[in-house]
């Protein structure tokens, strides 16, 4: 095990860490959905001189060394590109993270009443332990698009004057049979409906008076009808802000740190680099938690199409140049890993696990059991990564997810690897991953930003 990085920090390091963490907590608190993350990222990038690729295309502008552009799709995925001095066909330095997180989604027809209680029906998204989502204060975040094309932004539960919502649980006095169930079915998916009201609408001649009152309130506040939920994307997420964790304030507790901790540090690294030799790219995508499928995911053509548009604006687009550019690229899949938890030591193998406060963690391979679904980075690429990190005094560790037969998980790494580029997973260790509230070490977050910035500045991959 390498030295705990807290022992190596100067006062200057601690000041830089604190500034990074304050920005990170703001990002977490205001980016609980993909759309919210994309809006924050674009807003920040514009302050650093990034311009829209749509404007470049529309104006017929030429991209050259020093140009900074961004592209987004569906409001839920975004890319940033900083054109370097070297010919682009020599390859790109790419950071890639996902900005979706496990949660509950409202169904298309969510609102109903049962015995004078109003509920909203949900469908869980991503890998969750369903029992963790009961009796928590929950908030509604998202967008409803009305038939006329107008967007209505929903955010209820974050302001201290807002109401919150929740999934009820069975009282312990009557839960003998429930407690005999396996953990996976202690609470079942169809029981994750959120309670949203109990007050009937006065003088109403409708059957479901509590539901009618909820619809009246939604009409007054958002001018939406019940049928508008059909074209909505409303996410149910933990209500409340991220917080310092521990008496020593060495950690952060917050919702969605998988994978927004890597997304934020990748973005900060991208905005920090000014003059680059190799063109640098940061891509932030949706739908990783459900297999990277869909138009806003890494599995879509958004990434490839955007690189093609960049080449077109540089006057270099043809099929072979695009292929060479992608094949010669190097990528870090910026994604988290499980941190060693002494309370559950039986699923970890101590010589190949990530520890809190020991720096950013590289995964040569992910996958499950026999490396199923894995991207397995080549030894040459791993060796070059080691050298770069050591030369730039980045604290890092090498690890796997857990014991071989304990389970496993995948990232976006295998998708860009299909272009023949070198890809390796690298991110922040997380405790309680995929729980409503996850925990990370401030030191590891700081080292992640240093790692990603070092990677983007690298000009020699030989």
Protein backbone atom coordinates (compact mmCIF):
# COMPACT_ATOMS: atom_id res chain seq x y z
CA UNK A 1 0.00 0.00 0.00
CA UNK A 2 1.32 3.45 -0.95
CA UNK A 3 1.62 6.32 1.52
CA UNK A 4 -1.52 8.16 2.53
CA UNK A 5 -1.46 11.35 0.48
CA UNK A 6 -2.65 13.54 3.35
CA UNK A 7 0.83 13.13 4.83
CA UNK A 8 2.42 14.76 1.78
CA UNK A 9 0.36 17.93 1.40
CA UNK A 10 1.69 21.44 1.87
CA UNK A 11 -0.44 24.39 2.95
CA UNK A 12 -0.65 25.38 -0.70
CA UNK A 13 -1.98 21.94 -1.61
CA UNK A 14 -4.64 22.20 1.07
CA UNK A 15 -5.72 25.63 -0.17
CA UNK A 16 -6.00 24.37 -3.75
CA UNK A 17 -7.90 21.33 -2.55
CA UNK A 18 -10.36 23.45 -0.62
CA UNK A 19 -11.07 25.63 -3.66
CA UNK A 20 -11.64 22.54 -5.81
CA UNK A 21 -13.95 20.96 -3.23
CA UNK A 22 -16.09 24.06 -2.83
CA UNK A 23 -16.68 24.15 -6.57
CA UNK A 24 -17.36 20.43 -6.60
CA UNK A 25 -20.01 20.63 -3.88
CA UNK A 26 -21.77 23.43 -5.77
CA UNK A 27 -21.69 21.30 -8.93
CA UNK A 28 -23.16 18.30 -7.11
CA UNK A 29 -25.91 20.33 -5.47
CA UNK A 30 -26.94 21.98 -8.73
CA UNK A 31 -26.38 19.02 -11.03
CA UNK A 32 -28.65 16.22 -9.86
CA UNK A 33 -29.75 15.40 -13.42
CA UNK A 34 -27.92 15.09 -16.72
CA UNK A 35 -29.54 18.24 -18.10
CA UNK A 36 -28.52 20.23 -15.02
CA UNK A 37 -24.93 19.00 -15.36
CA UNK A 38 -24.76 19.92 -19.04
CA UNK A 39 -26.07 23.42 -18.40
CA UNK A 40 -23.49 23.98 -15.66
CA UNK A 41 -20.66 22.64 -17.79
CA UNK A 42 -21.49 24.77 -20.81
CA UNK A 43 -21.88 27.84 -18.63
CA UNK A 44 -18.44 27.28 -17.09
CA UNK A 45 -16.78 26.54 -20.45
CA UNK A 46 -18.11 29.73 -22.03
CA UNK A 47 -16.24 31.70 -19.39
CA UNK A 48 -13.05 30.05 -20.63
CA UNK A 49 -13.64 31.00 -24.26
CA UNK A 50 -15.41 27.89 -25.56
CA UNK A 51 -17.88 28.52 -28.38
CA UNK A 52 -20.68 26.38 -29.74
CA UNK A 53 -19.87 24.00 -32.59
CA UNK A 54 -23.27 24.91 -34.04
CA UNK A 55 -22.11 28.53 -34.35
CA UNK A 56 -18.85 27.38 -35.95
CA UNK A 57 -20.73 25.33 -38.54
CA UNK A 58 -23.38 27.99 -39.18
CA UNK A 59 -20.77 30.72 -39.61
CA UNK A 60 -18.40 28.61 -41.71
CA UNK A 61 -15.55 29.32 -39.27
CA UNK A 62 -12.22 27.53 -39.49
CA UNK A 63 -10.84 25.74 -36.44
CA UNK A 64 -7.13 25.98 -35.82
CA UNK A 65 -4.61 25.68 -33.00
CA UNK A 66 -6.06 27.35 -29.91
CA UNK A 67 -9.70 27.07 -30.94
CA UNK A 68 -12.01 25.90 -28.17
CA UNK A 69 -15.44 24.50 -29.02
CA UNK A 70 -18.23 22.50 -27.43
CA UNK A 71 -21.07 20.38 -28.76
CA UNK A 72 -24.09 18.95 -26.98
CA UNK A 73 -26.85 16.53 -27.87
CA UNK A 74 -30.37 16.20 -26.46
CA UNK A 75 -29.36 18.47 -23.59
CA UNK A 76 -27.94 15.39 -21.84
CA UNK A 77 -24.42 14.88 -23.26
CA UNK A 78 -21.70 17.37 -24.06
CA UNK A 79 -18.16 17.47 -25.49
CA UNK A 80 -15.40 20.05 -25.19
CA UNK A 81 -12.50 20.24 -27.66
CA UNK A 82 -9.30 22.30 -27.38
CA UNK A 83 -7.40 22.22 -30.69
CA UNK A 84 -3.71 21.47 -30.17
CA UNK A 85 -0.56 22.33 -32.11
CA UNK A 86 0.16 18.81 -33.40
CA UNK A 87 -1.72 17.49 -36.45
CA UNK A 88 -5.04 16.15 -35.21
CA UNK A 89 -4.58 12.86 -37.06
CA UNK A 90 -1.72 12.08 -34.65
CA UNK A 91 -4.44 11.51 -32.08
CA UNK A 92 -6.40 13.14 -29.28
CA UNK A 93 -6.04 13.07 -25.51
CA UNK A 94 -9.56 12.23 -24.34
CA UNK A 95 -11.28 12.23 -20.96
CA UNK A 96 -14.68 10.56 -20.82
CA UNK A 97 -17.10 10.47 -17.89
CA UNK A 98 -20.80 9.82 -17.44
CA UNK A 99 -23.20 12.24 -15.80
CA UNK A 100 -26.16 9.96 -15.12
CA UNK A 101 -26.61 8.39 -11.70
CA UNK A 102 -28.91 5.75 -10.16
CA UNK A 103 -32.30 7.18 -9.17
CA UNK A 104 -36.05 6.81 -9.51
CA UNK A 105 -37.86 8.08 -12.62
CA UNK A 106 -41.52 9.04 -12.76
CA UNK A 107 -43.51 6.79 -15.08
CA UNK A 108 -45.38 8.28 -18.07
CA UNK A 109 -48.70 8.27 -16.17
CA UNK A 110 -47.46 8.62 -12.61
CA UNK A 111 -50.18 10.31 -10.57
CA UNK A 112 -52.84 8.25 -8.80
CA UNK A 113 -54.87 8.17 -5.60
CA UNK A 114 -55.36 5.27 -3.19
CA UNK A 115 -57.48 5.58 -0.02
CA UNK A 116 -57.22 9.36 0.01
CA UNK A 117 -53.45 9.41 -0.45
CA UNK A 118 -51.87 10.73 -3.67
CA UNK A 119 -48.85 8.93 -5.09
CA UNK A 120 -46.53 9.15 -8.07
CA UNK A 121 -45.54 5.87 -9.68
CA UNK A 122 -41.81 5.37 -10.35
CA UNK A 123 -39.46 3.13 -12.29
CA UNK A 124 -35.99 2.78 -10.81
CA UNK A 125 -33.01 3.64 -13.04
CA UNK A 126 -29.67 1.87 -12.81
CA UNK A 127 -28.38 -0.56 -10.23
CA UNK A 128 -29.82 0.26 -6.82
CA UNK A 129 -30.55 -1.50 -3.56
CA UNK A 130 -34.25 -0.69 -3.49
CA UNK A 131 -34.56 -0.79 0.30
CA UNK A 132 -32.13 2.14 0.56
CA UNK A 133 -34.68 4.47 -1.05
CA UNK A 134 -37.41 4.29 1.59
CA UNK A 135 -38.04 6.93 4.29
CA UNK A 136 -35.66 9.42 2.68
CA UNK A 137 -36.51 13.03 1.87
CA UNK A 138 -36.72 13.06 -1.93
CA UNK A 139 -36.90 15.85 -4.50
CA UNK A 140 -38.29 16.12 -8.03
CA UNK A 141 -35.95 17.39 -10.75
CA UNK A 142 -36.54 17.42 -14.46
CA UNK A 143 -38.18 18.78 -17.56
CA UNK A 144 -41.67 18.56 -19.02
CA UNK A 145 -42.08 19.44 -22.69
CA UNK A 146 -45.61 20.54 -23.55
CA UNK A 147 -47.29 19.89 -26.89
CA UNK A 148 -46.46 23.41 -28.08
CA UNK A 149 -42.75 22.64 -27.59
CA UNK A 150 -42.28 24.81 -24.52
CA UNK A 151 -40.11 23.46 -21.69
CA UNK A 152 -41.14 23.52 -18.05
CA UNK A 153 -38.32 23.02 -15.56
CA UNK A 154 -39.26 21.17 -12.37
CA UNK A 155 -37.28 21.49 -9.15
CA UNK A 156 -39.18 20.77 -5.94
CA UNK A 157 -37.57 19.74 -2.67
CA UNK A 158 -34.22 21.53 -2.61
CA UNK A 159 -35.18 24.94 -1.22
CA UNK A 160 -35.66 24.91 2.56
CA UNK A 161 -39.21 26.21 2.02
CA UNK A 162 -40.07 23.44 -0.46
CA UNK A 163 -41.97 20.30 0.46
CA UNK A 164 -40.19 16.99 0.06
CA UNK A 165 -41.49 13.56 -0.91
CA UNK A 166 -40.75 10.01 0.07
CA UNK A 167 -41.32 6.27 -0.18
CA UNK A 168 -43.00 4.92 2.94
CA UNK A 169 -41.88 1.74 4.70
CA UNK A 170 -43.64 -0.90 6.75
CA UNK A 171 -43.46 -0.34 10.50
CA UNK A 172 -41.16 -2.76 12.29
CA UNK A 173 -44.04 -3.95 14.51
CA UNK A 174 -45.72 -5.57 11.49
CA UNK A 175 -42.69 -6.49 9.41
CA UNK A 176 -41.92 -10.06 10.50
CA UNK A 177 -42.54 -11.50 7.03
CA UNK A 178 -40.82 -8.60 5.29
CA UNK A 179 -37.65 -9.07 7.30
CA UNK A 180 -37.50 -12.74 6.29
CA UNK A 181 -37.19 -11.76 2.62
CA UNK A 182 -33.90 -11.57 0.71
CA UNK A 183 -32.44 -8.09 0.47
CA UNK A 184 -33.29 -7.78 -3.23
CA UNK A 185 -37.01 -8.07 -2.54
CA UNK A 186 -37.41 -6.54 0.92
CA UNK A 187 -38.78 -3.61 -1.06
CA UNK A 188 -39.89 -4.35 -4.63
CA UNK A 189 -39.75 -2.01 -7.60
CA UNK A 190 -43.48 -1.44 -7.86
CA UNK A 191 -43.51 -0.38 -4.18
CA UNK A 192 -41.14 2.55 -4.77
CA UNK A 193 -43.98 5.01 -5.37
CA UNK A 194 -43.59 8.39 -3.71
CA UNK A 195 -46.24 9.90 -1.47
CA UNK A 196 -47.09 13.42 -2.68
CA UNK A 197 -50.31 14.45 -0.93
CA UNK A 198 -53.18 13.74 1.44
CA UNK A 199 -55.37 16.85 1.35
CA UNK A 200 -58.59 16.65 -0.70
CA UNK A 201 -59.75 19.44 -2.96
CA UNK A 202 -62.72 21.15 -1.29
CA UNK A 203 -66.05 21.28 -3.09
CA UNK A 204 -64.79 18.99 -5.83
CA UNK A 205 -67.22 16.62 -7.51
CA UNK A 206 -64.42 14.34 -8.75
CA UNK A 207 -63.88 10.91 -7.27
CA UNK A 208 -60.16 11.33 -6.48
CA UNK A 209 -60.17 14.59 -4.58
CA UNK A 210 -56.58 14.40 -3.27
CA UNK A 211 -55.26 13.76 -6.77
CA UNK A 212 -57.41 16.64 -8.01
CA UNK A 213 -55.80 18.94 -5.45
CA UNK A 214 -52.29 17.93 -6.56
CA UNK A 215 -53.22 18.64 -10.19
CA UNK A 216 -54.62 22.02 -9.17
CA UNK A 217 -51.34 22.91 -7.43
CA UNK A 218 -49.27 21.79 -10.44
CA UNK A 219 -51.47 23.85 -12.75
CA UNK A 220 -51.07 26.95 -10.60
CA UNK A 221 -47.29 26.64 -10.20
CA UNK A 222 -46.20 25.16 -13.54
CA UNK A 223 -49.23 25.50 -15.85
CA UNK A 224 -49.12 21.77 -16.65
CA UNK A 225 -51.90 19.24 -17.10
CA UNK A 226 -51.85 15.60 -16.10
CA UNK A 227 -51.31 14.48 -19.70
CA UNK A 228 -48.10 16.58 -19.89
CA UNK A 229 -46.30 13.99 -17.74
CA UNK A 230 -46.27 11.76 -20.84
CA UNK A 231 -43.61 13.99 -22.42
CA UNK A 232 -41.69 14.61 -19.25
CA UNK A 233 -38.37 13.46 -17.81
CA UNK A 234 -38.78 13.82 -14.05
CA UNK A 235 -36.13 12.26 -11.81
CA UNK A 236 -36.67 11.50 -8.13
CA UNK A 237 -33.44 12.12 -6.25
CA UNK A 238 -32.33 12.59 -2.64
CA UNK A 239 -33.21 16.07 -1.38
CA UNK A 240 -30.50 18.15 0.24
CA UNK A 241 -26.98 19.38 -0.24
CA UNK A 242 -23.68 17.56 -0.22
CA UNK A 243 -21.82 17.88 3.07
CA UNK A 244 -18.39 17.55 4.57
CA UNK A 245 -18.20 14.09 6.11
CA UNK A 246 -16.28 13.13 9.24
CA UNK A 247 -15.14 15.11 12.27
CA UNK A 248 -11.94 15.95 10.38
CA UNK A 249 -13.92 17.07 7.28
CA UNK A 250 -11.71 14.86 5.13
CA UNK A 251 -14.55 13.41 3.08
CA UNK A 252 -17.62 14.43 1.08
CA UNK A 253 -21.06 12.87 1.33
CA UNK A 254 -23.40 13.59 -1.55
CA UNK A 255 -25.79 12.17 -4.11
CA UNK A 256 -24.57 11.16 -7.57
CA UNK A 257 -20.82 11.08 -6.95
CA UNK A 258 -20.77 8.09 -9.29
CA UNK A 259 -19.79 9.48 -11.67
CA UNK A 260 -20.09 13.22 -11.21
CA UNK A 261 -16.96 13.30 -9.05
CA UNK A 262 -14.97 12.24 -12.12
CA UNK A 263 -17.05 14.43 -14.42
CA UNK A 264 -16.33 17.55 -12.39
CA UNK A 265 -12.61 16.91 -12.01
CA UNK A 266 -12.37 16.09 -15.73
CA UNK A 267 -14.12 19.35 -16.57
CA UNK A 268 -11.83 21.35 -14.27
CA UNK A 269 -8.80 19.72 -15.85
CA UNK A 270 -10.13 20.51 -19.32
CA UNK A 271 -10.72 24.15 -18.47
CA UNK A 272 -7.33 24.45 -16.77
CA UNK A 273 -5.25 23.49 -19.80
CA UNK A 274 -4.60 26.41 -22.12
CA UNK A 275 -1.97 25.63 -24.76
CA UNK A 276 -1.96 21.93 -25.62
CA UNK A 277 0.23 20.05 -28.05
CA UNK A 278 -2.20 17.20 -28.75
CA UNK A 279 -5.82 18.20 -29.19
CA UNK A 280 -7.61 17.62 -25.89
CA UNK A 281 -11.19 16.40 -25.56
CA UNK A 282 -13.55 15.90 -22.64
CA UNK A 283 -16.80 14.05 -23.30
CA UNK A 284 -19.62 13.69 -20.79
CA UNK A 285 -22.37 11.23 -21.59
CA UNK A 286 -25.67 9.84 -20.37
CA UNK A 287 -27.10 6.34 -19.90
CA UNK A 288 -23.94 4.59 -18.64
CA UNK A 289 -25.84 3.20 -15.68
CA UNK A 290 -28.18 1.28 -18.01
CA UNK A 291 -25.58 -0.03 -20.48
CA UNK A 292 -24.61 3.03 -22.55
CA UNK A 293 -27.59 2.74 -24.86
CA UNK A 294 -29.57 5.57 -26.43
CA UNK A 295 -28.90 8.76 -28.36
CA UNK A 296 -27.17 10.61 -25.51
CA UNK A 297 -24.90 7.73 -24.49
CA UNK A 298 -21.32 6.83 -25.35
CA UNK A 299 -22.81 4.05 -27.45
CA UNK A 300 -24.35 6.61 -29.82
CA UNK A 301 -22.57 8.31 -32.74
CA UNK A 302 -22.46 11.65 -30.93
CA UNK A 303 -18.75 11.35 -30.11
CA UNK A 304 -17.70 10.21 -33.59
CA UNK A 305 -19.97 12.72 -35.35
CA UNK A 306 -18.56 15.60 -33.30
CA UNK A 307 -14.97 14.65 -34.09
CA UNK A 308 -15.97 14.47 -37.77
CA UNK A 309 -17.45 17.98 -37.56
CA UNK A 310 -14.24 19.25 -35.97
CA UNK A 311 -12.17 17.73 -38.77
CA UNK A 312 -14.53 19.26 -41.32
CA UNK A 313 -14.09 22.70 -39.73
CA UNK A 314 -10.31 22.19 -39.90
CA UNK A 315 -10.51 21.30 -43.59
CA UNK A 316 -9.26 17.79 -42.91
CA UNK A 317 -12.32 15.57 -43.05
CA UNK A 318 -12.11 12.34 -44.94
CA UNK A 319 -12.68 8.78 -43.87
CA UNK A 320 -9.05 7.80 -43.42
CA UNK A 321 -8.19 10.95 -41.42
CA UNK A 322 -11.11 10.32 -39.08
CA UNK A 323 -10.05 6.71 -38.60
CA UNK A 324 -6.42 7.68 -37.96
CA UNK A 325 -7.42 10.41 -35.52
CA UNK A 326 -9.47 8.00 -33.44
CA UNK A 327 -7.06 5.07 -33.62
CA UNK A 328 -4.10 7.23 -32.56
CA UNK A 329 -5.97 8.71 -29.63
CA UNK A 330 -5.39 7.96 -25.96
CA UNK A 331 -8.24 7.98 -23.48
CA UNK A 332 -8.94 7.89 -19.78
CA UNK A 333 -12.40 6.61 -18.98
CA UNK A 334 -13.00 8.82 -15.95
CA UNK A 335 -15.06 6.57 -13.71
CA UNK A 336 -15.13 5.69 -10.05
CA UNK A 337 -14.10 2.49 -8.32
CA UNK A 338 -15.09 0.83 -5.06
CA UNK A 339 -13.11 1.93 -2.02
CA UNK A 340 -12.04 -0.67 0.52
CA UNK A 341 -14.57 -0.87 3.33
CA UNK A 342 -13.41 -2.74 6.47
CA UNK A 343 -17.05 -3.41 7.37
CA UNK A 344 -17.35 -5.58 4.25
CA UNK A 345 -13.77 -6.83 3.92
CA UNK A 346 -14.84 -10.29 2.72
CA UNK A 347 -15.57 -9.04 -0.82
CA UNK A 348 -12.24 -7.20 -1.26
CA UNK A 349 -8.79 -8.56 -2.03
CA UNK A 350 -6.44 -6.29 -0.08
CA UNK A 351 -3.50 -6.38 -2.48
CA UNK A 352 -5.67 -5.24 -5.39
CA UNK A 353 -8.13 -2.75 -3.96
CA UNK A 354 -8.41 1.04 -3.71
CA UNK A 355 -7.97 2.82 -0.39
CA UNK A 356 -9.31 6.19 0.76
CA UNK A 357 -6.72 8.95 0.72
CA UNK A 358 -4.22 7.06 -1.42
CA UNK A 359 -4.96 8.89 -4.64
CA UNK A 360 -6.74 8.35 -7.91
CA UNK A 361 -7.26 4.71 -8.89
CA UNK A 362 -6.46 3.08 -12.24
CA UNK A 363 -8.26 -0.06 -13.35
CA UNK A 364 -6.42 -2.01 -16.01
CA UNK A 365 -9.64 -3.95 -16.53
CA UNK A 366 -13.17 -3.97 -15.20
CA UNK A 367 -15.93 -6.42 -16.10
CA UNK A 368 -17.35 -9.25 -14.03
CA UNK A 369 -15.83 -12.53 -12.94
CA UNK A 370 -13.87 -13.69 -16.02
CA UNK A 371 -13.47 -10.05 -17.16
CA UNK A 372 -16.80 -10.26 -19.00
CA UNK A 373 -17.64 -6.97 -20.67
CA UNK A 374 -14.20 -5.56 -19.87
CA UNK A 375 -11.83 -3.19 -21.56
CA UNK A 376 -8.38 -4.54 -20.69
CA UNK A 377 -5.73 -1.84 -21.18
CA UNK A 378 -2.48 -2.94 -22.83
CA UNK A 379 0.69 -3.25 -20.77
CA UNK A 380 2.51 -0.66 -22.89
CA UNK A 381 -0.18 1.93 -22.26
CA UNK A 382 -0.25 1.18 -18.52
CA UNK A 383 3.52 1.55 -18.36
CA UNK A 384 3.38 4.95 -20.06
CA UNK A 385 0.60 6.08 -17.73
CA UNK A 386 2.70 5.03 -14.69
CA UNK A 387 5.67 7.02 -15.95
CA UNK A 388 3.61 10.15 -16.64
CA UNK A 389 1.97 10.09 -13.22
CA UNK A 390 5.23 9.48 -11.39
CA UNK A 391 7.01 12.27 -13.29
CA UNK A 392 4.25 14.70 -12.36
CA UNK A 393 3.95 13.55 -8.74
CA UNK A 394 0.34 12.40 -9.02
CA UNK A 395 -0.68 10.02 -6.24
CA UNK A 396 -2.28 6.96 -7.80
CA UNK A 397 -3.07 3.32 -7.03
CA UNK A 398 -3.90 0.29 -9.16
CA UNK A 399 -6.95 -1.76 -8.23
CA UNK A 400 -9.82 -3.99 -9.20
CA UNK A 401 -13.50 -3.68 -8.20
CA UNK A 402 -13.37 -6.51 -5.67
CA UNK A 403 -12.75 -10.23 -5.42
CA UNK A 404 -12.98 -12.11 -8.70
CA UNK A 405 -16.25 -13.91 -8.04
CA UNK A 406 -17.83 -11.22 -5.86
CA UNK A 407 -19.42 -9.37 -8.77
CA UNK A 408 -18.12 -6.56 -10.95
CA UNK A 409 -19.13 -3.69 -13.18
CA UNK A 410 -18.50 -1.97 -16.49
CA UNK A 411 -17.75 1.56 -17.69
CA UNK A 412 -17.80 3.33 -21.06
CA UNK A 413 -14.20 2.26 -21.76
CA UNK A 414 -14.99 -0.65 -24.10
CA UNK A 415 -16.93 1.59 -26.50
CA UNK A 416 -14.15 4.00 -27.60
CA UNK A 417 -11.69 1.10 -27.46
CA UNK A 418 -13.54 -0.23 -30.53
CA UNK A 419 -11.86 2.56 -32.52
CA UNK A 420 -8.51 0.88 -31.76
CA UNK A 421 -7.48 3.60 -29.32
CA UNK A 422 -5.82 2.90 -25.96
CA UNK A 423 -8.28 3.33 -23.08
CA UNK A 424 -7.91 2.85 -19.35
CA UNK A 425 -10.32 3.42 -16.48
CA UNK A 426 -9.27 5.93 -13.85
CA UNK A 427 -11.25 7.63 -11.12
CA UNK A 428 -12.01 8.29 -7.48
CA UNK A 429 -12.63 5.51 -4.92
CA UNK A 430 -16.16 5.62 -3.48
CA UNK A 431 -17.76 4.21 -0.33
CA UNK A 432 -21.45 3.22 -0.48
CA UNK A 433 -21.42 3.37 -4.27
CA UNK A 434 -24.89 3.57 -5.86
CA UNK A 435 -26.48 4.36 -2.51
CA UNK A 436 -28.56 7.56 -2.29
CA UNK A 437 -25.67 9.17 -0.43
CA UNK A 438 -22.11 8.22 -1.43
CA UNK A 439 -18.83 9.11 0.26
CA UNK A 440 -15.49 10.16 -1.27
CA UNK A 441 -12.15 11.41 0.04
CA UNK A 442 -11.19 15.03 -0.64
CA UNK A 443 -7.60 13.94 -1.18
CA UNK A 444 -8.60 11.50 -3.91
CA UNK A 445 -10.72 14.17 -5.62
CA UNK A 446 -7.74 16.52 -5.60
CA UNK A 447 -5.44 13.87 -7.04
CA UNK A 448 -8.01 13.03 -9.73
CA UNK A 449 -7.99 16.60 -11.05
CA UNK A 450 -4.17 16.59 -11.06
CA UNK A 451 -4.17 13.26 -12.88
CA UNK A 452 -6.60 14.37 -15.58
CA UNK A 453 -4.79 17.66 -16.15
CA UNK A 454 -1.47 15.83 -16.43
CA UNK A 455 -3.00 13.44 -18.95
CA UNK A 456 -4.38 16.21 -21.16
CA UNK A 457 -1.01 17.96 -21.25
CA UNK A 458 0.87 14.82 -22.30
CA UNK A 459 2.38 15.19 -25.77
CA UNK A 460 4.56 12.10 -26.10
CA UNK A 461 3.03 8.61 -25.95
CA UNK A 462 6.12 6.70 -27.04
